[in-house]
Amino acid sequence: MWYKNAIIYLLPDGWQLEAGFAEKLEQAAFTHCFGFCWFSDGFAPPTPFSSDFVFTAQNSNRVCLKHEEKVLPTSATHNPSTPQAV
C-alpha cells in the first residue's frame, strides 16, 4: 500500500516509550466528522490486524494519526444568481 502523505520521524538512540503512552493515544482516538464539524483528527491502530494503538516491530514503534475533512460538492457552493450563458 502506498501512502499519499506519510511522515516518518527518527528518534534518538535510547529513546523509550513512557508507560501509558498507548492509553493516552486511545483517549484521543479518531472519530468521523459528524454534524457541523468540518474536520476530525485522532489516533487509529496502525495495522489492520490489531486493535493496539502502538505497533512495535524491528526496533520501531508505529502510531497512526488519522485526519478527515468534509468537502462540499460544487453544486452546494454554486450561486444560482450568477447569470449563465445559454
PDB file of N, CA and C in Angstrom:
ATOM      1  N   MET A   1       0.839  -1.174   0.000  1.00  0.00           N
ATOM      2  CA  MET A   1       0.000   0.000   0.000  1.00  0.00           C
ATOM      3  C   MET A   1       0.886   1.239   0.000  1.00  0.00           C
ATOM      4  N   TRP A   2       0.584   2.196  -0.851  1.00  0.00           N
ATOM      5  CA  TRP A   2       1.317   3.455  -0.911  1.00  0.00           C
ATOM      6  C   TRP A   2       0.528   4.526  -0.190  1.00  0.00           C
ATOM      7  N   TYR A   3       1.223   5.404   0.474  1.00  0.00           N
ATOM      8  CA  TYR A   3       0.589   6.459   1.233  1.00  0.00           C
ATOM      9  C   TYR A   3       0.776   7.799   0.521  1.00  0.00           C
ATOM     10  N   LYS A   4      -0.253   8.625   0.544  1.00  0.00           N
ATOM     11  CA  LYS A   4      -0.152   9.947  -0.060  1.00  0.00           C
ATOM     12  C   LYS A   4       0.670  10.892   0.800  1.00  0.00           C
ATOM     13  N   ASN A   5       0.556  10.746   2.107  1.00  0.00           N
ATOM     14  CA  ASN A   5       1.201  11.703   2.990  1.00  0.00           C
ATOM     15  C   ASN A   5       1.716  10.982   4.229  1.00  0.00           C
ATOM     16  N   ALA A   6       2.817  10.290   4.097  1.00  0.00           N
ATOM     17  CA  ALA A   6       3.416   9.587   5.231  1.00  0.00           C
ATOM     18  C   ALA A   6       4.616  10.384   5.725  1.00  0.00           C
ATOM     19  N   ILE A   7       4.668  10.621   7.020  1.00  0.00           N
ATOM     20  CA  ILE A   7       5.778  11.339   7.620  1.00  0.00           C
ATOM     21  C   ILE A   7       6.426  10.406   8.632  1.00  0.00           C
ATOM     22  N   ILE A   8       7.716  10.218   8.507  1.00  0.00           N
ATOM     23  CA  ILE A   8       8.453   9.315   9.383  1.00  0.00           C
ATOM     24  C   ILE A   8       9.409  10.148  10.219  1.00  0.00           C
ATOM     25  N   TYR A   9       9.330   9.979  11.522  1.00  0.00           N
ATOM     26  CA  TYR A   9      10.209  10.692  12.441  1.00  0.00           C
ATOM     27  C   TYR A   9      11.203   9.703  13.033  1.00  0.00           C
ATOM     28  N   LEU A  10      12.483  10.034  12.963  1.00  0.00           N
ATOM     29  CA  LEU A  10      13.519   9.212  13.584  1.00  0.00           C
ATOM     30  C   LEU A  10      13.843   9.817  14.943  1.00  0.00           C
ATOM     31  N   LEU A  11      13.798   8.995  15.961  1.00  0.00           N
ATOM     32  CA  LEU A  11      14.052   9.453  17.324  1.00  0.00           C
ATOM     33  C   LEU A  11      15.455   9.065  17.741  1.00  0.00           C
ATOM     34  N   PRO A  12      16.031   9.770  18.708  1.00  0.00           N
ATOM     35  CA  PRO A  12      17.404   9.472  19.120  1.00  0.00           C
ATOM     36  C   PRO A  12      17.539   8.074  19.717  1.00  0.00           C
ATOM     37  N   ASP A  13      18.751   7.529  19.633  1.00  0.00           N
ATOM     38  CA  ASP A  13      19.037   6.209  20.210  1.00  0.00           C
ATOM     39  C   ASP A  13      18.762   6.233  21.705  1.00  0.00           C
ATOM     40  N   GLY A  14      18.208   5.148  22.193  1.00  0.00           N
ATOM     41  CA  GLY A  14      17.922   5.030  23.612  1.00  0.00           C
ATOM     42  C   GLY A  14      16.583   5.614  24.026  1.00  0.00           C
ATOM     43  N   TRP A  15      15.853   6.203  23.104  1.00  0.00           N
ATOM     44  CA  TRP A  15      14.543   6.774  23.435  1.00  0.00           C
ATOM     45  C   TRP A  15      13.556   5.643  23.655  1.00  0.00           C
ATOM     46  N   GLN A  16      12.797   5.727  24.728  1.00  0.00           N
ATOM     47  CA  GLN A  16      11.824   4.694  25.075  1.00  0.00           C
ATOM     48  C   GLN A  16      10.445   5.317  25.225  1.00  0.00           C
ATOM     49  N   LEU A  17       9.411   4.537  24.910  1.00  0.00           N
ATOM     50  CA  LEU A  17       8.043   4.995  25.148  1.00  0.00           C
ATOM     51  C   LEU A  17       7.796   5.049  26.646  1.00  0.00           C
ATOM     52  N   GLU A  18       7.138   6.098  27.090  1.00  0.00           N
ATOM     53  CA  GLU A  18       6.805   6.168  28.511  1.00  0.00           C
ATOM     54  C   GLU A  18       5.628   5.245  28.801  1.00  0.00           C
ATOM     55  N   ALA A  19       5.513   4.831  30.023  1.00  0.00           N
ATOM     56  CA  ALA A  19       4.425   3.939  30.435  1.00  0.00           C
ATOM     57  C   ALA A  19       3.089   4.649  30.249  1.00  0.00           C
ATOM     58  N   GLY A  20       2.126   3.955  29.688  1.00  0.00           N
ATOM     59  CA  GLY A  20       0.795   4.535  29.487  1.00  0.00           C
ATOM     60  C   GLY A  20       0.641   5.315  28.190  1.00  0.00           C
ATOM     61  N   PHE A  21       1.630   5.259  27.305  1.00  0.00           N
ATOM     62  CA  PHE A  21       1.562   6.014  26.044  1.00  0.00           C
ATOM     63  C   PHE A  21       0.403   5.535  25.174  1.00  0.00           C
ATOM     64  N   ALA A  22       0.225   4.227  25.058  1.00  0.00           N
ATOM     65  CA  ALA A  22      -0.863   3.676  24.233  1.00  0.00           C
ATOM     66  C   ALA A  22      -2.226   4.069  24.795  1.00  0.00           C
ATOM     67  N   GLU A  23      -2.352   4.124  26.107  1.00  0.00           N
ATOM     68  CA  GLU A  23      -3.622   4.524  26.714  1.00  0.00           C
ATOM     69  C   GLU A  23      -3.940   5.987  26.416  1.00  0.00           C
ATOM     70  N   LYS A  24      -2.909   6.815  26.382  1.00  0.00           N
ATOM     71  CA  LYS A  24      -3.110   8.226  26.037  1.00  0.00           C
ATOM     72  C   LYS A  24      -3.571   8.367  24.584  1.00  0.00           C
ATOM     73  N   LEU A  25      -3.034   7.524  23.701  1.00  0.00           N
ATOM     74  CA  LEU A  25      -3.475   7.562  22.307  1.00  0.00           C
ATOM     75  C   LEU A  25      -4.929   7.113  22.187  1.00  0.00           C
ATOM     76  N   GLU A  26      -5.311   6.119  22.972  1.00  0.00           N
ATOM     77  CA  GLU A  26      -6.700   5.641  22.954  1.00  0.00           C
ATOM     78  C   GLU A  26      -7.671   6.718  23.411  1.00  0.00           C
ATOM     79  N   GLN A  27      -7.252   7.553  24.335  1.00  0.00           N
ATOM     80  CA  GLN A  27      -8.109   8.645  24.802  1.00  0.00           C
ATOM     81  C   GLN A  27      -8.338   9.679  23.704  1.00  0.00           C
ATOM     82  N   ALA A  28      -7.404   9.772  22.760  1.00  0.00           N
ATOM     83  CA  ALA A  28      -7.531  10.710  21.644  1.00  0.00           C
ATOM     84  C   ALA A  28      -7.822   9.944  20.355  1.00  0.00           C
ATOM     85  N   ALA A  29      -8.681   8.924  20.436  1.00  0.00           N
ATOM     86  CA  ALA A  29      -8.988   8.067  19.286  1.00  0.00           C
ATOM     87  C   ALA A  29      -9.753   8.843  18.215  1.00  0.00           C
ATOM     88  N   PHE A  30      -9.581   8.433  16.982  1.00  0.00           N
ATOM     89  CA  PHE A  30     -10.224   9.071  15.836  1.00  0.00           C
ATOM     90  C   PHE A  30     -11.724   8.812  15.836  1.00  0.00           C
ATOM     91  N   THR A  31     -12.499   9.847  15.547  1.00  0.00           N
ATOM     92  CA  THR A  31     -13.936   9.713  15.300  1.00  0.00           C
ATOM     93  C   THR A  31     -14.250  10.457  14.015  1.00  0.00           C
ATOM     94  N   HIS A  32     -15.228   9.981  13.270  1.00  0.00           N
ATOM     95  CA  HIS A  32     -15.588  10.597  11.995  1.00  0.00           C
ATOM     96  C   HIS A  32     -16.247  11.950  12.206  1.00  0.00           C
ATOM     97  N   CYS A  33     -16.256  12.772  11.158  1.00  0.00           N
ATOM     98  CA  CYS A  33     -16.910  14.081  11.200  1.00  0.00           C
ATOM     99  C   CYS A  33     -18.422  13.890  11.278  1.00  0.00           C
ATOM    100  N   PHE A  34     -19.045  14.513  12.246  1.00  0.00           N
ATOM    101  CA  PHE A  34     -20.495  14.464  12.380  1.00  0.00           C
ATOM    102  C   PHE A  34     -21.018  15.874  12.581  1.00  0.00           C
ATOM    103  N   GLY A  35     -22.261  16.097  12.186  1.00  0.00           N
ATOM    104  CA  GLY A  35     -22.907  17.384  12.432  1.00  0.00           C
ATOM    105  C   GLY A  35     -22.210  18.539  11.745  1.00  0.00           C
ATOM    106  N   PHE A  36     -21.893  19.551  12.519  1.00  0.00           N
ATOM    107  CA  PHE A  36     -21.292  20.756  11.964  1.00  0.00           C
ATOM    108  C   PHE A  36     -19.773  20.768  12.031  1.00  0.00           C
ATOM    109  N   CYS A  37     -19.150  19.664  12.386  1.00  0.00           N
ATOM    110  CA  CYS A  37     -17.687  19.583  12.410  1.00  0.00           C
ATOM    111  C   CYS A  37     -17.167  19.505  10.983  1.00  0.00           C
ATOM    112  N   TRP A  38     -16.206  20.357  10.649  1.00  0.00           N
ATOM    113  CA  TRP A  38     -15.650  20.370   9.298  1.00  0.00           C
ATOM    114  C   TRP A  38     -14.481  19.413   9.151  1.00  0.00           C
ATOM    115  N   PHE A  39     -13.824  19.086  10.256  1.00  0.00           N
ATOM    116  CA  PHE A  39     -12.724  18.139  10.186  1.00  0.00           C
ATOM    117  C   PHE A  39     -12.622  17.391  11.507  1.00  0.00           C
ATOM    118  N   SER A  40     -11.880  16.304  11.469  1.00  0.00           N
ATOM    119  CA  SER A  40     -11.686  15.489  12.659  1.00  0.00           C
ATOM    120  C   SER A  40     -10.278  14.899  12.617  1.00  0.00           C
ATOM    121  N   ASP A  41      -9.601  14.901  13.759  1.00  0.00           N
ATOM    122  CA  ASP A  41      -8.274  14.312  13.911  1.00  0.00           C
ATOM    123  C   ASP A  41      -8.309  13.334  15.076  1.00  0.00           C
ATOM    124  N   GLY A  42      -7.480  12.311  14.997  1.00  0.00           N
ATOM    125  CA  GLY A  42      -7.377  11.377  16.106  1.00  0.00           C
ATOM    126  C   GLY A  42      -6.473  10.217  15.745  1.00  0.00           C
ATOM    127  N   PHE A  43      -6.127   9.437  16.731  1.00  0.00           N
ATOM    128  CA  PHE A  43      -5.237   8.300  16.512  1.00  0.00           C
ATOM    129  C   PHE A  43      -6.043   7.047  16.208  1.00  0.00           C
ATOM    130  N   ALA A  44      -5.472   6.193  15.371  1.00  0.00           N
ATOM    131  CA  ALA A  44      -6.096   4.940  14.953  1.00  0.00           C
ATOM    132  C   ALA A  44      -5.043   3.833  15.026  1.00  0.00           C
ATOM    133  N   PRO A  45      -5.468   2.576  15.102  1.00  0.00           N
ATOM    134  CA  PRO A  45      -4.492   1.482  15.079  1.00  0.00           C
ATOM    135  C   PRO A  45      -3.694   1.497  13.768  1.00  0.00           C
ATOM    136  N   PRO A  46      -2.361   1.386  13.824  1.00  0.00           N
ATOM    137  CA  PRO A  46      -1.543   1.475  12.613  1.00  0.00           C
ATOM    138  C   PRO A  46      -1.568   0.231  11.728  1.00  0.00           C
ATOM    139  N   THR A  47      -2.105  -0.872  12.230  1.00  0.00           N
ATOM    140  CA  THR A  47      -2.150  -2.105  11.435  1.00  0.00           C
ATOM    141  C   THR A  47      -3.588  -2.616  11.363  1.00  0.00           C
ATOM    142  N   PRO A  48      -3.959  -3.246  10.247  1.00  0.00           N
ATOM    143  CA  PRO A  48      -5.320  -3.754  10.122  1.00  0.00           C
ATOM    144  C   PRO A  48      -5.578  -5.016  10.936  1.00  0.00           C
ATOM    145  N   PHE A  49      -4.534  -5.691  11.387  1.00  0.00           N
ATOM    146  CA  PHE A  49      -4.714  -6.968  12.074  1.00  0.00           C
ATOM    147  C   PHE A  49      -4.666  -6.859  13.593  1.00  0.00           C
ATOM    148  N   SER A  50      -4.574  -5.647  14.123  1.00  0.00           N
ATOM    149  CA  SER A  50      -4.514  -5.479  15.564  1.00  0.00           C
ATOM    150  C   SER A  50      -5.249  -4.206  15.966  1.00  0.00           C
ATOM    151  N   SER A  51      -5.827  -4.202  17.151  1.00  0.00           N
ATOM    152  CA  SER A  51      -6.523  -3.010  17.628  1.00  0.00           C
ATOM    153  C   SER A  51      -5.645  -2.174  18.560  1.00  0.00           C
ATOM    154  N   ASP A  52      -4.353  -2.533  18.680  1.00  0.00           N
ATOM    155  CA  ASP A  52      -3.429  -1.772  19.518  1.00  0.00           C
ATOM    156  C   ASP A  52      -3.071  -0.453  18.834  1.00  0.00           C
ATOM    157  N   PHE A  53      -2.937   0.600  19.628  1.00  0.00           N
ATOM    158  CA  PHE A  53      -2.629   1.912  19.084  1.00  0.00           C
ATOM    159  C   PHE A  53      -1.139   2.133  18.872  1.00  0.00           C
ATOM    160  N   VAL A  54      -0.296   1.255  19.398  1.00  0.00           N
ATOM    161  CA  VAL A  54       1.148   1.299  19.155  1.00  0.00           C
ATOM    162  C   VAL A  54       1.561  -0.077  18.660  1.00  0.00           C
ATOM    163  N   PHE A  55       2.221  -0.124  17.497  1.00  0.00           N
ATOM    164  CA  PHE A  55       2.700  -1.378  16.930  1.00  0.00           C
ATOM    165  C   PHE A  55       4.217  -1.365  16.982  1.00  0.00           C
ATOM    166  N   THR A  56       4.803  -2.347  17.649  1.00  0.00           N
ATOM    167  CA  THR A  56       6.250  -2.421  17.800  1.00  0.00           C
ATOM    168  C   THR A  56       6.779  -3.547  16.932  1.00  0.00           C
ATOM    169  N   ALA A  57       7.743  -3.209  16.060  1.00  0.00           N
ATOM    170  CA  ALA A  57       8.372  -4.210  15.197  1.00  0.00           C
ATOM    171  C   ALA A  57       9.744  -3.707  14.770  1.00  0.00           C
ATOM    172  N   GLN A  58      10.728  -4.580  14.773  1.00  0.00           N
ATOM    173  CA  GLN A  58      12.082  -4.292  14.304  1.00  0.00           C
ATOM    174  C   GLN A  58      12.632  -2.996  14.908  1.00  0.00           C
ATOM    175  N   ASN A  59      12.617  -2.914  16.214  1.00  0.00           N
ATOM    176  CA  ASN A  59      13.146  -1.752  16.943  1.00  0.00           C
ATOM    177  C   ASN A  59      12.467  -0.442  16.557  1.00  0.00           C
ATOM    178  N   SER A  60      11.184  -0.500  16.202  1.00  0.00           N
ATOM    179  CA  SER A  60      10.438   0.719  15.875  1.00  0.00           C
ATOM    180  C   SER A  60       9.061   0.656  16.512  1.00  0.00           C
ATOM    181  N   ASN A  61       8.538   1.807  16.838  1.00  0.00           N
ATOM    182  CA  ASN A  61       7.189   1.925  17.376  1.00  0.00           C
ATOM    183  C   ASN A  61       6.379   2.728  16.377  1.00  0.00           C
ATOM    184  N   ARG A  62       5.267   2.181  15.938  1.00  0.00           N
ATOM    185  CA  ARG A  62       4.472   2.832  14.897  1.00  0.00           C
ATOM    186  C   ARG A  62       3.128   3.261  15.457  1.00  0.00           C
ATOM    187  N   VAL A  63       2.753   4.495  15.137  1.00  0.00           N
ATOM    188  CA  VAL A  63       1.452   5.043  15.506  1.00  0.00           C
ATOM    189  C   VAL A  63       0.842   5.650  14.256  1.00  0.00           C
ATOM    190  N   CYS A  64      -0.456   5.859  14.269  1.00  0.00           N
ATOM    191  CA  CYS A  64      -1.157   6.373  13.095  1.00  0.00           C
ATOM    192  C   CYS A  64      -2.069   7.521  13.520  1.00  0.00           C
ATOM    193  N   LEU A  65      -1.832   8.716  12.966  1.00  0.00           N
ATOM    194  CA  LEU A  65      -2.701   9.865  13.178  1.00  0.00           C
ATOM    195  C   LEU A  65      -3.584   9.986  11.944  1.00  0.00           C
ATOM    196  N   LYS A  66      -4.883   9.969  12.152  1.00  0.00           N
ATOM    197  CA  LYS A  66      -5.845   9.988  11.041  1.00  0.00           C
ATOM    198  C   LYS A  66      -6.527  11.349  10.985  1.00  0.00           C
ATOM    199  N   HIS A  67      -6.776  11.843   9.768  1.00  0.00           N
ATOM    200  CA  HIS A  67      -7.398  13.149   9.557  1.00  0.00           C
ATOM    201  C   HIS A  67      -8.503  13.000   8.527  1.00  0.00           C
ATOM    202  N   GLU A  68      -9.652  13.622   8.782  1.00  0.00           N
ATOM    203  CA  GLU A  68     -10.773  13.577   7.847  1.00  0.00           C
ATOM    204  C   GLU A  68     -11.358  14.983   7.717  1.00  0.00           C
ATOM    205  N   GLU A  69     -11.658  15.380   6.484  1.00  0.00           N
ATOM    206  CA  GLU A  69     -12.270  16.688   6.218  1.00  0.00           C
ATOM    207  C   GLU A  69     -13.543  16.503   5.427  1.00  0.00           C
ATOM    208  N   LYS A  70     -14.510  17.379   5.684  1.00  0.00           N
ATOM    209  CA  LYS A  70     -15.713  17.398   4.858  1.00  0.00           C
ATOM    210  C   LYS A  70     -15.425  18.254   3.638  1.00  0.00           C
ATOM    211  N   VAL A  71     -15.831  17.777   2.484  1.00  0.00           N
ATOM    212  CA  VAL A  71     -15.648  18.515   1.244  1.00  0.00           C
ATOM    213  C   VAL A  71     -17.025  18.737   0.633  1.00  0.00           C
ATOM    214  N   LEU A  72     -17.340  19.999   0.359  1.00  0.00           N
ATOM    215  CA  LEU A  72     -18.633  20.309  -0.230  1.00  0.00           C
ATOM    216  C   LEU A  72     -18.594  20.089  -1.739  1.00  0.00           C
ATOM    217  N   PRO A  73     -19.631  19.506  -2.304  1.00  0.00           N
ATOM    218  CA  PRO A  73     -19.686  19.384  -3.764  1.00  0.00           C
ATOM    219  C   PRO A  73     -19.910  20.756  -4.392  1.00  0.00           C
ATOM    220  N   THR A  74     -19.538  20.906  -5.644  1.00  0.00           N
ATOM    221  CA  THR A  74     -19.674  22.203  -6.315  1.00  0.00           C
ATOM    222  C   THR A  74     -21.128  22.643  -6.394  1.00  0.00           C
ATOM    223  N   SER A  75     -22.065  21.709  -6.454  1.00  0.00           N
ATOM    224  CA  SER A  75     -23.479  22.084  -6.514  1.00  0.00           C
ATOM    225  C   SER A  75     -23.927  22.787  -5.233  1.00  0.00           C
ATOM    226  N   ALA A  76     -23.273  22.496  -4.110  1.00  0.00           N
ATOM    227  CA  ALA A  76     -23.630  23.143  -2.847  1.00  0.00           C
ATOM    228  C   ALA A  76     -23.061  24.555  -2.759  1.00  0.00           C
ATOM    229  N   THR A  77     -21.984  24.817  -3.461  1.00  0.00           N
ATOM    230  CA  THR A  77     -21.372  26.136  -3.404  1.00  0.00           C
ATOM    231  C   THR A  77     -21.715  26.977  -4.623  1.00  0.00           C
ATOM    232  N   HIS A  78     -22.465  26.453  -5.555  1.00  0.00           N
ATOM    233  CA  HIS A  78     -22.841  27.181  -6.765  1.00  0.00           C
ATOM    234  C   HIS A  78     -23.843  28.275  -6.410  1.00  0.00           C
ATOM    235  N   ASN A  79     -23.611  29.466  -6.910  1.00  0.00           N
ATOM    236  CA  ASN A  79     -24.511  30.594  -6.670  1.00  0.00           C
ATOM    237  C   ASN A  79     -25.488  30.702  -7.835  1.00  0.00           C
ATOM    238  N   PRO A  80     -26.785  30.416  -7.635  1.00  0.00           N
ATOM    239  CA  PRO A  80     -27.746  30.420  -8.749  1.00  0.00           C
ATOM    240  C   PRO A  80     -28.072  31.828  -9.267  1.00  0.00           C
ATOM    241  N   SER A  81     -27.665  32.867  -8.549  1.00  0.00           N
ATOM    242  CA  SER A  81     -27.989  34.214  -9.004  1.00  0.00           C
ATOM    243  C   SER A  81     -27.014  34.727 -10.062  1.00  0.00           C
ATOM    244  N   THR A  82     -25.915  34.015 -10.307  1.00  0.00           N
ATOM    245  CA  THR A  82     -24.977  34.451 -11.345  1.00  0.00           C
ATOM    246  C   THR A  82     -25.537  34.102 -12.723  1.00  0.00           C
ATOM    247  N   PRO A  83     -25.491  35.066 -13.645  1.00  0.00           N
ATOM    248  CA  PRO A  83     -26.009  34.781 -14.991  1.00  0.00           C
ATOM    249  C   PRO A  83     -25.159  33.741 -15.715  1.00  0.00           C
ATOM    250  N   GLN A  84     -25.833  32.921 -16.474  1.00  0.00           N
ATOM    251  CA  GLN A  84     -25.143  31.883 -17.224  1.00  0.00           C
ATOM    252  C   GLN A  84     -25.472  32.032 -18.700  1.00  0.00           C
ATOM    253  N   ALA A  85     -24.477  31.728 -19.538  1.00  0.00           N
ATOM    254  CA  ALA A  85     -24.696  31.770 -20.984  1.00  0.00           C
ATOM    255  C   ALA A  85     -25.544  30.575 -21.391  1.00  0.00           C
ATOM    256  N   VAL A  86     -26.474  30.817 -22.266  1.00  0.00           N
ATOM    257  CA  VAL A  86     -27.367  29.746 -22.712  1.00  0.00           C
ATOM    258  C   VAL A  86     -26.947  29.240 -24.066  1.00  0.00           C
TER     259      VAL A  86
END
